[in-house]
C-alpha atoms as a PDB file:
ATOM      1  CA  UNK A   1     118.668  81.351 137.860  1.00  0.00           C
ATOM      2  CA  UNK A   2     114.937  83.407 138.641  1.00  0.00           C
ATOM      3  CA  UNK A   3     114.068  84.007 141.988  1.00  0.00           C
ATOM      4  CA  UNK A   4     110.940  83.377 143.738  1.00  0.00           C
ATOM      5  CA  UNK A   5     108.759  85.140 146.833  1.00  0.00           C
ATOM      6  CA  UNK A   6     106.131  82.574 148.230  1.00  0.00           C
ATOM      7  CA  UNK A   7     103.025  84.272 149.632  1.00  0.00           C
ATOM      8  CA  UNK A   8     100.603  81.669 150.761  1.00  0.00           C
ATOM      9  CA  UNK A   9      99.211  80.317 147.769  1.00  0.00           C
ATOM     10  CA  UNK A  10     101.172  82.958 145.419  1.00  0.00           C
ATOM     11  CA  UNK A  11     104.414  82.897 144.122  1.00  0.00           C
ATOM     12  CA  UNK A  12     105.969  85.525 142.653  1.00  0.00           C
ATOM     13  CA  UNK A  13     108.672  85.214 139.965  1.00  0.00           C
ATOM     14  CA  UNK A  14     111.471  87.949 139.775  1.00  0.00           C
ATOM     15  CA  UNK A  15     109.480  90.341 142.287  1.00  0.00           C
ATOM     16  CA  UNK A  16     111.891  92.756 142.239  1.00  0.00           C
ATOM     17  CA  UNK A  17     111.786  93.272 138.136  1.00  0.00           C
ATOM     18  CA  UNK A  18     108.112  92.951 138.248  1.00  0.00           C
ATOM     19  CA  UNK A  19     107.981  95.460 140.704  1.00  0.00           C
ATOM     20  CA  UNK A  20     110.048  98.090 138.818  1.00  0.00           C
ATOM     21  CA  UNK A  21     108.389  97.460 135.500  1.00  0.00           C
ATOM     22  CA  UNK A  22     105.261  97.922 136.782  1.00  0.00           C
ATOM     23  CA  UNK A  23     106.348 101.443 138.116  1.00  0.00           C
ATOM     24  CA  UNK A  24     108.297 102.536 135.450  1.00  0.00           C
ATOM     25  CA  UNK A  25     104.953 101.746 133.121  1.00  0.00           C
ATOM     26  CA  UNK A  26     102.963 103.162 135.856  1.00  0.00           C
ATOM     27  CA  UNK A  27     104.396 106.353 136.283  1.00  0.00           C
ATOM     28  CA  UNK A  28     104.636 107.178 132.517  1.00  0.00           C
ATOM     29  CA  UNK A  29     100.656 106.220 132.342  1.00  0.00           C
ATOM     30  CA  UNK A  30      99.158 109.421 131.883  1.00  0.00           C
ATOM     31  CA  UNK A  31      96.475 108.298 130.232  1.00  0.00           C
ATOM     32  CA  UNK A  32      95.619 105.989 132.642  1.00  0.00           C
ATOM     33  CA  UNK A  33      95.084 103.314 129.807  1.00  0.00           C
ATOM     34  CA  UNK A  34      97.612 100.941 131.298  1.00  0.00           C
ATOM     35  CA  UNK A  35      95.858 101.256 134.524  1.00  0.00           C
ATOM     36  CA  UNK A  36      92.542 100.087 133.399  1.00  0.00           C
ATOM     37  CA  UNK A  37      93.776  97.621 130.923  1.00  0.00           C
ATOM     38  CA  UNK A  38      95.738  95.798 134.164  1.00  0.00           C
ATOM     39  CA  UNK A  39      92.305  96.085 136.426  1.00  0.00           C
ATOM     40  CA  UNK A  40      90.524  94.716 133.078  1.00  0.00           C
ATOM     41  CA  UNK A  41      93.454  91.399 133.126  1.00  0.00           C
ATOM     42  CA  UNK A  42      93.579  91.036 136.691  1.00  0.00           C
ATOM     43  CA  UNK A  43      89.728  90.973 137.059  1.00  0.00           C
ATOM     44  CA  UNK A  44      90.031  88.359 133.898  1.00  0.00           C
ATOM     45  CA  UNK A  45      92.003  85.902 136.227  1.00  0.00           C
ATOM     46  CA  UNK A  46      90.276  86.406 139.377  1.00  0.00           C
ATOM     47  CA  UNK A  47      87.439  85.225 137.238  1.00  0.00           C
ATOM     48  CA  UNK A  48      89.187  82.041 136.805  1.00  0.00           C
ATOM     49  CA  UNK A  49      90.105  81.762 140.379  1.00  0.00           C
ATOM     50  CA  UNK A  50      86.812  82.250 141.749  1.00  0.00           C
ATOM     51  CA  UNK A  51      85.513  79.492 139.578  1.00  0.00           C
ATOM     52  CA  UNK A  52      88.261  77.079 140.922  1.00  0.00           C
ATOM     53  CA  UNK A  53      87.661  77.759 144.300  1.00  0.00           C
ATOM     54  CA  UNK A  54      83.980  76.799 143.543  1.00  0.00           C
ATOM     55  CA  UNK A  55      84.794  74.032 142.117  1.00  0.00           C
ATOM     56  CA  UNK A  56      87.811  72.500 144.159  1.00  0.00           C
ATOM     57  CA  UNK A  57      86.794  74.050 147.622  1.00  0.00           C
ATOM     58  CA  UNK A  58      90.581  75.792 148.001  1.00  0.00           C
ATOM     59  CA  UNK A  59      92.634  78.253 146.391  1.00  0.00           C
ATOM     60  CA  UNK A  60      95.284  77.033 143.747  1.00  0.00           C
ATOM     61  CA  UNK A  61      98.669  77.505 143.777  1.00  0.00           C
ATOM     62  CA  UNK A  62      99.227  81.518 141.495  1.00  0.00           C
ATOM     63  CA  UNK A  63     102.270  82.185 140.175  1.00  0.00           C
ATOM     64  CA  UNK A  64     102.770  85.792 139.217  1.00  0.00           C
ATOM     65  CA  UNK A  65     105.047  86.415 136.238  1.00  0.00           C
ATOM     66  CA  UNK A  66     106.300  89.388 133.809  1.00  0.00           C
ATOM     67  CA  UNK A  67     103.736  87.901 131.437  1.00  0.00           C
ATOM     68  CA  UNK A  68     100.655  87.567 133.517  1.00  0.00           C
ATOM     69  CA  UNK A  69      99.155  84.483 135.755  1.00  0.00           C
ATOM     70  CA  UNK A  70      99.738  80.603 135.535  1.00  0.00           C
ATOM     71  CA  UNK A  71      97.211  78.378 138.213  1.00  0.00           C
ATOM     72  CA  UNK A  72      98.956  75.251 138.878  1.00  0.00           C
ATOM     73  CA  UNK A  73      96.584  72.833 138.534  1.00  0.00           C
ATOM     74  CA  UNK A  74      98.874  69.399 138.350  1.00  0.00           C
ATOM     75  CA  UNK A  75      97.055  66.178 139.917  1.00  0.00           C
ATOM     76  CA  UNK A  76      93.290  67.878 139.927  1.00  0.00           C
ATOM     77  CA  UNK A  77      90.572  65.696 138.556  1.00  0.00           C
ATOM     78  CA  UNK A  78      88.626  68.384 136.405  1.00  0.00           C
ATOM     79  CA  UNK A  79      85.548  67.066 134.291  1.00  0.00           C
ATOM     80  CA  UNK A  80      85.465  68.544 130.540  1.00  0.00           C
ATOM     81  CA  UNK A  81      82.388  70.409 131.364  1.00  0.00           C
ATOM     82  CA  UNK A  82      84.635  72.015 134.800  1.00  0.00           C
ATOM     83  CA  UNK A  83      87.455  72.567 132.474  1.00  0.00           C
ATOM     84  CA  UNK A  84      85.183  74.617 130.025  1.00  0.00           C
ATOM     85  CA  UNK A  85      83.155  76.589 132.459  1.00  0.00           C
ATOM     86  CA  UNK A  86      86.594  77.317 134.210  1.00  0.00           C
ATOM     87  CA  UNK A  87      88.038  78.524 130.849  1.00  0.00           C
ATOM     88  CA  UNK A  88      85.157  80.740 129.963  1.00  0.00           C
ATOM     89  CA  UNK A  89      84.958  82.418 133.318  1.00  0.00           C
ATOM     90  CA  UNK A  90      87.636  85.038 132.240  1.00  0.00           C
ATOM     91  CA  UNK A  91      86.083  85.992 129.162  1.00  0.00           C
ATOM     92  CA  UNK A  92      82.777  86.063 131.004  1.00  0.00           C
ATOM     93  CA  UNK A  93      84.310  88.459 133.377  1.00  0.00           C
ATOM     94  CA  UNK A  94      85.252  90.775 130.563  1.00  0.00           C
ATOM     95  CA  UNK A  95      82.045  90.877 128.780  1.00  0.00           C
ATOM     96  CA  UNK A  96      80.715  91.417 132.078  1.00  0.00           C
ATOM     97  CA  UNK A  97      82.837  94.874 132.613  1.00  0.00           C
ATOM     98  CA  UNK A  98      82.144  95.419 128.628  1.00  0.00           C
ATOM     99  CA  UNK A  99      78.568  95.550 129.381  1.00  0.00           C
ATOM    100  CA  UNK A 100      79.203  97.735 132.636  1.00  0.00           C
ATOM    101  CA  UNK A 101      81.053  99.812 130.478  1.00  0.00           C
ATOM    102  CA  UNK A 102      78.333 100.378 127.853  1.00  0.00           C
ATOM    103  CA  UNK A 103      75.986 101.377 130.878  1.00  0.00           C
ATOM    104  CA  UNK A 104      78.015 104.043 132.356  1.00  0.00           C
ATOM    105  CA  UNK A 105      78.295 105.955 128.710  1.00  0.00           C
END
C-alpha cells in the first residue's frame, strides 16, 4: 500500500522514500550536475502548470512521485489547441533555459 501526503493541490506519493532518495542523490552530487538537472525538470513542469493555470484559472491536482510530476486533469474540457499549448509549454521552457545558458557562456 502506497502512502500519500496531501498538501493543498499537491499529493506526495511515498514522501519518506522520495525525500530519502533525493537526499542521498544530492549528497553524492559533487559536480552539481544533478542539481541543475532537477532544477531544469522542475522548471519544465512549472511551465506546464503555469499554462494550465492561465487556461483554466485554477491549480490542477499535482501528484509528485519518484518518477516525476503528474497533473490530474480528469473532467477538464480542453480544446485541441489548448492541449497543444499545454504540451508545448514544458519544452518551450527548456528552449528558453538553453538560450539563457548560451548567452551566459
